[in-house]
Amino acid sequence: MSTINVPKREEVSTANQAIFDNLEKAVGFVPNLFATYAHSENALGNYLALSNAKTSLKAKEKEVVNLAVSQVNNCIYCLSAHTAIGKMNGFTDEQILELRAGKASFDEKLDALARLAKNITENRGATDAQVVDNFFAAGWTKENLIDTIVLVGDKTISNYIHSTTKVPVDFPEAQPLETVGA
């Protein structure tokens, strides 16, 4: 049961109604989590600006971070949404499970990214130096490091909003993470 309702278009501000209309056109619907941001006059627009801001990470790389962070934060909504988006970006079901576990045996560079995102999230930013060193050794840059940290924060915001509001998941629900070797 939701602790907070998912607002309908007519229940949000004019500015948020315009964002709802744009989401309908772009995605085909307004995801419940985005609609929940619209309880605030500014949060939805601010979040989408952050989420859609320029970054050195490609779409597929962003999904690596989104999946690892959402798993650490145990956000079923974001795991479900990013499992669907990960598949649209070419990841297989098995690869998505690995990414959720914070690794990628199928790609050395993505492995370093997944391990970094998981470590940052688990340690609340007190990242292990060896994980950062491995990230750079895999070919990532300082710009990539900063952009990854920003993306961890971006995803954590959504994870926390869902964990607090418990709005219904409106994507095919991600299955519990099977035991994937550490």
C-alpha atoms as a PDB file:
ATOM      1  CA  MET A   1       0.000   0.000   0.000  1.00  0.00           C
ATOM      2  CA  SER A   2       1.330   3.408  -0.923  1.00  0.00           C
ATOM      3  CA  THR A   3       2.005   5.886   1.817  1.00  0.00           C
ATOM      4  CA  ILE A   4       1.637   8.692  -0.721  1.00  0.00           C
ATOM      5  CA  ASN A   5      -0.715   8.756  -3.694  1.00  0.00           C
ATOM      6  CA  VAL A   6       0.443   8.970  -7.287  1.00  0.00           C
ATOM      7  CA  PRO A   7      -0.997  12.312  -8.398  1.00  0.00           C
ATOM      8  CA  LYS A   8      -2.998  12.543 -11.583  1.00  0.00           C
ATOM      9  CA  ARG A   9      -2.358  15.262 -14.149  1.00  0.00           C
ATOM     10  CA  GLU A  10      -5.230  17.438 -12.882  1.00  0.00           C
ATOM     11  CA  GLU A  11      -3.823  17.299  -9.336  1.00  0.00           C
ATOM     12  CA  VAL A  12      -0.448  18.870 -10.143  1.00  0.00           C
ATOM     13  CA  SER A  13       0.690  22.387 -10.998  1.00  0.00           C
ATOM     14  CA  THR A  14       0.474  23.805 -14.513  1.00  0.00           C
ATOM     15  CA  ALA A  15       4.267  23.505 -14.886  1.00  0.00           C
ATOM     16  CA  ASN A  16       4.150  19.852 -13.839  1.00  0.00           C
ATOM     17  CA  GLN A  17       1.196  19.222 -16.180  1.00  0.00           C
ATOM     18  CA  ALA A  18       3.394  20.379 -19.059  1.00  0.00           C
ATOM     19  CA  ILE A  19       6.111  17.956 -17.932  1.00  0.00           C
ATOM     20  CA  PHE A  20       3.509  15.169 -17.714  1.00  0.00           C
ATOM     21  CA  ASP A  21       2.471  15.970 -21.306  1.00  0.00           C
ATOM     22  CA  ASN A  22       6.099  15.795 -22.473  1.00  0.00           C
ATOM     23  CA  LEU A  23       6.627  12.487 -20.668  1.00  0.00           C
ATOM     24  CA  GLU A  24       3.460  11.083 -22.295  1.00  0.00           C
ATOM     25  CA  LYS A  25       4.849  12.024 -25.722  1.00  0.00           C
ATOM     26  CA  ALA A  26       8.383  10.742 -25.050  1.00  0.00           C
ATOM     27  CA  VAL A  27       7.724   7.607 -22.991  1.00  0.00           C
ATOM     28  CA  GLY A  28       4.076   6.835 -23.698  1.00  0.00           C
ATOM     29  CA  PHE A  29       3.051   7.281 -20.055  1.00  0.00           C
ATOM     30  CA  VAL A  30       4.014   9.147 -16.900  1.00  0.00           C
ATOM     31  CA  PRO A  31       5.924   6.719 -14.672  1.00  0.00           C
ATOM     32  CA  ASN A  32       4.495   6.644 -11.152  1.00  0.00           C
ATOM     33  CA  LEU A  33       7.786   7.676  -9.584  1.00  0.00           C
ATOM     34  CA  PHE A  34       8.053  10.751 -11.807  1.00  0.00           C
ATOM     35  CA  ALA A  35       4.437  11.623 -11.042  1.00  0.00           C
ATOM     36  CA  THR A  36       5.252  11.404  -7.334  1.00  0.00           C
ATOM     37  CA  TYR A  37       7.978  14.031  -7.740  1.00  0.00           C
ATOM     38  CA  ALA A  38       5.163  16.348  -8.920  1.00  0.00           C
ATOM     39  CA  HIS A  39       3.814  16.650  -5.370  1.00  0.00           C
ATOM     40  CA  SER A  40       6.474  19.368  -5.298  1.00  0.00           C
ATOM     41  CA  GLU A  41       6.182  22.422  -7.530  1.00  0.00           C
ATOM     42  CA  ASN A  42       9.866  22.146  -8.479  1.00  0.00           C
ATOM     43  CA  ALA A  43      11.199  18.651  -7.752  1.00  0.00           C
ATOM     44  CA  LEU A  44      10.095  16.950 -10.990  1.00  0.00           C
ATOM     45  CA  GLY A  45      11.609  19.603 -13.255  1.00  0.00           C
ATOM     46  CA  ASN A  46      14.761  19.795 -11.157  1.00  0.00           C
ATOM     47  CA  TYR A  47      15.176  16.021 -11.098  1.00  0.00           C
ATOM     48  CA  LEU A  48      14.639  15.638 -14.847  1.00  0.00           C
ATOM     49  CA  ALA A  49      17.160  18.431 -15.488  1.00  0.00           C
ATOM     50  CA  LEU A  50      19.723  16.569 -13.371  1.00  0.00           C
ATOM     51  CA  SER A  51      18.881  13.189 -14.851  1.00  0.00           C
ATOM     52  CA  ASN A  52      19.028  14.463 -18.441  1.00  0.00           C
ATOM     53  CA  ALA A  53      22.074  16.725 -17.969  1.00  0.00           C
ATOM     54  CA  LYS A  54      25.142  16.283 -20.165  1.00  0.00           C
ATOM     55  CA  THR A  55      27.568  13.647 -18.912  1.00  0.00           C
ATOM     56  CA  SER A  56      30.666  11.848 -20.122  1.00  0.00           C
ATOM     57  CA  LEU A  57      28.866   8.532 -19.594  1.00  0.00           C
ATOM     58  CA  LYS A  58      27.016   6.921 -22.493  1.00  0.00           C
ATOM     59  CA  ALA A  59      23.445   5.647 -22.017  1.00  0.00           C
ATOM     60  CA  LYS A  60      24.591   2.035 -21.570  1.00  0.00           C
ATOM     61  CA  GLU A  61      27.201   3.093 -18.999  1.00  0.00           C
ATOM     62  CA  LYS A  62      24.579   5.068 -17.091  1.00  0.00           C
ATOM     63  CA  GLU A  63      22.470   1.913 -16.830  1.00  0.00           C
ATOM     64  CA  VAL A  64      25.439   0.082 -15.288  1.00  0.00           C
ATOM     65  CA  VAL A  65      25.494   2.691 -12.517  1.00  0.00           C
ATOM     66  CA  ASN A  66      21.700   2.839 -12.170  1.00  0.00           C
ATOM     67  CA  LEU A  67      21.419  -0.928 -11.722  1.00  0.00           C
ATOM     68  CA  ALA A  68      24.290  -1.254  -9.230  1.00  0.00           C
ATOM     69  CA  VAL A  69      23.104   1.695  -7.111  1.00  0.00           C
ATOM     70  CA  SER A  70      19.452   0.621  -7.124  1.00  0.00           C
ATOM     71  CA  GLN A  71      20.431  -2.881  -5.985  1.00  0.00           C
ATOM     72  CA  VAL A  72      22.527  -1.588  -3.082  1.00  0.00           C
ATOM     73  CA  ASN A  73      19.651   0.701  -2.088  1.00  0.00           C
ATOM     74  CA  ASN A  74      17.160  -2.162  -2.587  1.00  0.00           C
ATOM     75  CA  CYS A  75      14.782  -0.064  -4.716  1.00  0.00           C
ATOM     76  CA  ILE A  76      12.412  -2.425  -6.528  1.00  0.00           C
ATOM     77  CA  TYR A  77      10.907   0.438  -8.541  1.00  0.00           C
ATOM     78  CA  CYS A  78      14.255   1.580  -9.946  1.00  0.00           C
ATOM     79  CA  LEU A  79      15.492  -1.988 -10.406  1.00  0.00           C
ATOM     80  CA  SER A  80      12.370  -2.715 -12.439  1.00  0.00           C
ATOM     81  CA  ALA A  81      12.615   0.462 -14.525  1.00  0.00           C
ATOM     82  CA  HIS A  82      16.352   0.087 -15.162  1.00  0.00           C
ATOM     83  CA  THR A  83      16.063  -3.611 -15.971  1.00  0.00           C
ATOM     84  CA  ALA A  84      13.689  -2.605 -18.785  1.00  0.00           C
ATOM     85  CA  ILE A  85      15.948   0.279 -19.863  1.00  0.00           C
ATOM     86  CA  GLY A  86      19.042  -1.944 -19.606  1.00  0.00           C
ATOM     87  CA  LYS A  87      17.419  -4.417 -22.013  1.00  0.00           C
ATOM     88  CA  MET A  88      16.631  -1.542 -24.395  1.00  0.00           C
ATOM     89  CA  ASN A  89      20.350  -0.676 -24.229  1.00  0.00           C
ATOM     90  CA  GLY A  90      21.368  -4.198 -25.248  1.00  0.00           C
ATOM     91  CA  PHE A  91      22.084  -5.947 -21.942  1.00  0.00           C
ATOM     92  CA  THR A  92      20.921  -9.545 -21.537  1.00  0.00           C
ATOM     93  CA  ASP A  93      19.036 -10.791 -18.468  1.00  0.00           C
ATOM     94  CA  GLU A  94      22.222 -12.460 -17.197  1.00  0.00           C
ATOM     95  CA  GLN A  95      24.275  -9.290 -17.695  1.00  0.00           C
ATOM     96  CA  ILE A  96      21.655  -7.238 -15.853  1.00  0.00           C
ATOM     97  CA  LEU A  97      21.856  -9.608 -12.877  1.00  0.00           C
ATOM     98  CA  GLU A  98      25.633  -9.237 -12.829  1.00  0.00           C
ATOM     99  CA  LEU A  99      25.382  -5.452 -13.035  1.00  0.00           C
ATOM    100  CA  ARG A 100      22.915  -5.443 -10.164  1.00  0.00           C
ATOM    101  CA  ALA A 101      25.519  -7.417  -8.186  1.00  0.00           C
ATOM    102  CA  GLY A 102      28.058  -4.692  -8.964  1.00  0.00           C
ATOM    103  CA  LYS A 103      30.192  -6.446 -11.540  1.00  0.00           C
ATOM    104  CA  ALA A 104      30.425  -7.226 -15.259  1.00  0.00           C
ATOM    105  CA  SER A 105      32.524 -10.282 -16.115  1.00  0.00           C
ATOM    106  CA  PHE A 106      31.575  -9.743 -19.774  1.00  0.00           C
ATOM    107  CA  ASP A 107      33.356  -6.356 -20.070  1.00  0.00           C
ATOM    108  CA  GLU A 108      36.437  -5.237 -18.109  1.00  0.00           C
ATOM    109  CA  LYS A 109      35.687  -1.522 -18.386  1.00  0.00           C
ATOM    110  CA  LEU A 110      32.032  -1.888 -17.368  1.00  0.00           C
ATOM    111  CA  ASP A 111      33.167  -4.162 -14.531  1.00  0.00           C
ATOM    112  CA  ALA A 112      35.300  -1.365 -13.094  1.00  0.00           C
ATOM    113  CA  LEU A 113      32.362   1.046 -13.449  1.00  0.00           C
ATOM    114  CA  ALA A 114      29.891  -1.324 -11.763  1.00  0.00           C
ATOM    115  CA  ARG A 115      32.307  -2.029  -8.915  1.00  0.00           C
ATOM    116  CA  LEU A 116      32.893   1.701  -8.417  1.00  0.00           C
ATOM    117  CA  ALA A 117      29.172   2.538  -8.360  1.00  0.00           C
ATOM    118  CA  LYS A 118      28.473  -0.260  -5.887  1.00  0.00           C
ATOM    119  CA  ASN A 119      31.389   0.726  -3.650  1.00  0.00           C
ATOM    120  CA  ILE A 120      30.484   4.432  -3.619  1.00  0.00           C
ATOM    121  CA  THR A 121      26.905   3.577  -2.684  1.00  0.00           C
ATOM    122  CA  GLU A 122      27.740   0.979  -0.040  1.00  0.00           C
ATOM    123  CA  ASN A 123      30.312   3.257   1.590  1.00  0.00           C
ATOM    124  CA  ARG A 124      28.288   6.488   1.257  1.00  0.00           C
ATOM    125  CA  GLY A 125      31.029   8.076  -0.796  1.00  0.00           C
ATOM    126  CA  ALA A 126      33.994   6.862   1.273  1.00  0.00           C
ATOM    127  CA  THR A 127      35.135   4.866  -1.742  1.00  0.00           C
ATOM    128  CA  ASP A 128      37.911   2.296  -1.406  1.00  0.00           C
ATOM    129  CA  ALA A 129      41.117   3.635  -3.006  1.00  0.00           C
ATOM    130  CA  GLN A 130      41.787   0.299  -4.746  1.00  0.00           C
ATOM    131  CA  VAL A 131      38.367   0.450  -6.445  1.00  0.00           C
ATOM    132  CA  VAL A 132      39.158   3.953  -7.735  1.00  0.00           C
ATOM    133  CA  ASP A 133      42.622   2.848  -8.888  1.00  0.00           C
ATOM    134  CA  ASN A 134      41.069  -0.109 -10.742  1.00  0.00           C
ATOM    135  CA  PHE A 135      38.535   2.259 -12.333  1.00  0.00           C
ATOM    136  CA  PHE A 136      41.339   4.421 -13.748  1.00  0.00           C
ATOM    137  CA  ALA A 137      43.391   1.364 -14.762  1.00  0.00           C
ATOM    138  CA  ALA A 138      40.397   0.176 -16.837  1.00  0.00           C
ATOM    139  CA  GLY A 139      40.618   3.347 -18.931  1.00  0.00           C
ATOM    140  CA  TRP A 140      38.176   5.683 -17.224  1.00  0.00           C
ATOM    141  CA  THR A 141      39.033   9.367 -16.670  1.00  0.00           C
ATOM    142  CA  LYS A 142      38.697  11.829 -13.790  1.00  0.00           C
ATOM    143  CA  GLU A 143      35.729  13.326 -15.648  1.00  0.00           C
ATOM    144  CA  ASN A 144      34.116   9.877 -15.731  1.00  0.00           C
ATOM    145  CA  LEU A 145      34.731   9.524 -11.983  1.00  0.00           C
ATOM    146  CA  ILE A 146      32.990  12.804 -11.161  1.00  0.00           C
ATOM    147  CA  ASP A 147      30.111  12.078 -13.554  1.00  0.00           C
ATOM    148  CA  THR A 148      29.692   8.629 -11.984  1.00  0.00           C
ATOM    149  CA  ILE A 149      29.481  10.136  -8.493  1.00  0.00           C
ATOM    150  CA  VAL A 150      26.854  12.629  -9.718  1.00  0.00           C
ATOM    151  CA  LEU A 151      24.883   9.754 -11.258  1.00  0.00           C
ATOM    152  CA  VAL A 152      25.083   7.780  -7.994  1.00  0.00           C
ATOM    153  CA  GLY A 153      23.525  10.805  -6.279  1.00  0.00           C
ATOM    154  CA  ASP A 154      20.884  11.149  -9.001  1.00  0.00           C
ATOM    155  CA  LYS A 155      19.834   7.505  -8.679  1.00  0.00           C
ATOM    156  CA  THR A 156      19.957   7.588  -4.882  1.00  0.00           C
ATOM    157  CA  ILE A 157      17.394  10.425  -4.904  1.00  0.00           C
ATOM    158  CA  SER A 158      14.908   8.273  -6.816  1.00  0.00           C
ATOM    159  CA  ASN A 159      15.725   5.217  -4.698  1.00  0.00           C
ATOM    160  CA  TYR A 160      14.964   7.182  -1.535  1.00  0.00           C
ATOM    161  CA  ILE A 161      11.767   8.685  -2.927  1.00  0.00           C
ATOM    162  CA  HIS A 162      10.442   5.228  -3.751  1.00  0.00           C
ATOM    163  CA  SER A 163      11.627   3.715  -0.471  1.00  0.00           C
ATOM    164  CA  THR A 164       9.746   6.442   1.387  1.00  0.00           C
ATOM    165  CA  THR A 165       6.585   6.693  -0.731  1.00  0.00           C
ATOM    166  CA  LYS A 166       6.231   3.051  -1.846  1.00  0.00           C
ATOM    167  CA  VAL A 167       4.281   4.088  -4.963  1.00  0.00           C
ATOM    168  CA  PRO A 168       3.263   1.137  -7.152  1.00  0.00           C
ATOM    169  CA  VAL A 169       5.805  -0.215  -9.634  1.00  0.00           C
ATOM    170  CA  ASP A 170       4.494   0.350 -13.173  1.00  0.00           C
ATOM    171  CA  PHE A 171       7.219  -1.548 -15.043  1.00  0.00           C
ATOM    172  CA  PRO A 172       7.592  -5.331 -15.285  1.00  0.00           C
ATOM    173  CA  GLU A 173       8.822  -6.119 -11.793  1.00  0.00           C
ATOM    174  CA  ALA A 174      12.477  -7.106 -11.487  1.00  0.00           C
ATOM    175  CA  GLN A 175      13.011 -10.498  -9.910  1.00  0.00           C
ATOM    176  CA  PRO A 176      14.992 -10.825  -6.675  1.00  0.00           C
ATOM    177  CA  LEU A 177      18.691 -10.947  -7.318  1.00  0.00           C
ATOM    178  CA  GLU A 178      19.794 -14.561  -7.558  1.00  0.00           C
ATOM    179  CA  THR A 179      23.040 -15.420  -5.887  1.00  0.00           C
ATOM    180  CA  VAL A 180      25.686 -14.127  -8.256  1.00  0.00           C
ATOM    181  CA  GLY A 181      29.257 -14.757  -7.112  1.00  0.00           C
ATOM    182  CA  ALA A 182      30.932 -11.718  -5.580  1.00  0.00           C
END
